[in-house]
Protein backbone atom coordinates (compact mmCIF):
# COMPACT_ATOMS: atom_id res chain seq x y z
CA SER A 1 42.25 25.64 -39.68
CA SER A 2 40.71 25.75 -43.12
CA GLN A 3 38.17 23.11 -42.04
CA GLU A 4 37.02 25.33 -39.18
CA LEU A 5 36.51 28.24 -41.58
CA ARG A 6 34.47 26.05 -43.93
CA ASP A 7 32.38 24.83 -40.98
CA GLN A 8 31.72 28.42 -39.90
CA ALA A 9 30.62 29.40 -43.42
CA THR A 10 28.30 26.39 -43.58
CA GLN A 11 26.75 27.33 -40.22
CA TYR A 12 26.41 30.98 -41.25
CA TRP A 13 24.35 30.08 -44.33
CA ALA A 14 22.40 27.35 -42.51
CA ASN A 15 21.27 29.94 -39.94
CA ARG A 16 19.78 31.89 -42.87
CA GLY A 17 17.98 28.88 -44.31
CA ILE A 18 20.36 28.42 -47.24
CA GLU A 19 22.05 25.10 -47.92
CA TYR A 20 25.80 25.65 -48.21
CA LYS A 21 28.27 22.82 -48.75
CA THR A 22 31.98 22.79 -49.41
CA GLU A 23 34.32 20.00 -50.41
CA LEU A 24 38.07 20.31 -50.03
CA LEU A 25 39.94 19.09 -53.11
CA GLU A 26 43.49 20.22 -52.36
CA ASP A 27 45.27 21.94 -49.46
CA VAL A 28 48.97 22.62 -50.03
CA MET A 29 51.60 24.54 -48.06
CA LEU A 30 53.60 26.81 -50.37
CA THR A 31 57.20 27.86 -50.04
CA THR A 32 59.04 30.63 -51.81
CA ASN A 33 62.66 31.34 -52.61
CA SER A 34 62.64 33.69 -49.65
CA ASP A 35 62.11 32.65 -46.05
CA ALA A 36 60.20 35.89 -45.61
CA VAL A 37 56.94 34.68 -47.18
CA GLN A 38 54.89 31.57 -46.50
CA GLY A 39 51.59 30.55 -48.02
CA ILE A 40 48.89 28.04 -48.84
CA ARG A 41 46.88 27.04 -51.87
CA VAL A 42 43.42 25.63 -51.23
CA ILE A 43 41.12 24.29 -53.93
CA TYR A 44 37.53 23.52 -52.97
CA THR A 45 34.02 23.41 -54.35
CA VAL A 46 31.08 25.42 -53.06
CA LYS A 47 27.41 24.55 -53.47
CA GLU A 48 25.09 27.31 -52.30
CA GLY A 49 21.39 26.50 -52.42
CA ASN A 50 20.16 25.98 -55.99
CA LYS A 51 23.09 27.80 -57.60
CA PRO A 52 25.49 25.86 -59.86
CA LEU A 53 28.50 24.18 -58.25
CA GLU A 54 31.49 26.54 -58.11
CA ALA A 55 35.23 25.96 -57.87
CA HIS A 56 37.36 28.21 -55.67
CA ASP A 57 41.14 28.11 -56.09
CA LEU A 58 42.60 30.30 -53.35
CA THR A 59 46.27 31.19 -52.91
CA VAL A 60 47.31 33.15 -49.82
CA PHE A 61 50.77 34.32 -48.78
CA VAL A 62 51.60 35.96 -45.46
CA SER A 63 54.59 38.20 -44.81
CA ASP A 64 57.29 37.02 -42.41
CA ASP A 65 56.23 39.56 -39.78
CA ARG A 66 52.58 38.43 -40.21
CA THR A 67 51.35 41.97 -40.92
CA LYS A 68 50.33 41.48 -44.56
CA LEU A 69 48.20 38.95 -46.43
CA TYR A 70 48.43 38.58 -50.19
CA THR A 71 45.49 36.74 -51.77
CA PHE A 72 44.61 35.51 -55.22
CA LEU A 73 41.25 33.83 -55.88
CA LEU A 74 40.11 32.05 -59.01
CA ARG A 75 36.37 31.44 -58.89
CA CYS A 76 34.25 29.93 -61.63
CA ALA A 77 31.63 27.31 -62.41
CA TRP A 78 32.85 23.80 -61.68
CA ASP A 79 32.38 22.65 -65.28
CA CYS A 80 34.58 25.50 -66.54
CA TYR A 81 37.23 24.91 -63.87
CA ALA A 82 37.38 21.17 -64.52
CA SER A 83 37.63 21.55 -68.29
CA ARG A 84 40.33 24.25 -68.07
CA PHE A 85 42.15 23.00 -64.96
CA GLY A 86 45.61 22.97 -66.54
CA GLU A 87 45.38 26.54 -67.78
CA LEU A 88 43.82 27.86 -64.56
CA SER A 89 46.32 25.99 -62.40
CA GLU A 90 49.17 27.55 -64.36
CA ILE A 91 47.69 31.00 -63.72
CA ALA A 92 47.30 30.31 -59.98
CA GLU A 93 50.86 28.99 -59.73
CA SER A 94 52.19 32.16 -61.38
CA PHE A 95 50.99 34.34 -58.46
CA THR A 96 54.06 35.78 -56.73
CA VAL A 97 54.80 38.27 -54.01
CA LEU A 98 57.77 40.59 -54.31
CA GLY A 99 59.32 41.97 -51.13
CA ARG A 100 60.12 45.63 -50.60
CA ASN A 101 63.42 46.92 -49.26
């Protein structure tokens, strides 16, 4: 699960003496016009040590046969993401995967 991945990342950085915190803001299952592709969109914040708070907006699609992952990541300072959320969300939502024949 996405929570398990966040927990593993937190433990990885903790073992190196670096504070690492994440907060899940949104976790949505995505559907497409085709049954061949499924995906998720996860929005979360990351705080690593003394660095500024970041926003990560991750969209991932997987092919029907589970052999391909298609990823799109928006990453920026939290203040920027929050102030431009509408524009950035529109960009993230425009990410598409086209099948091959």
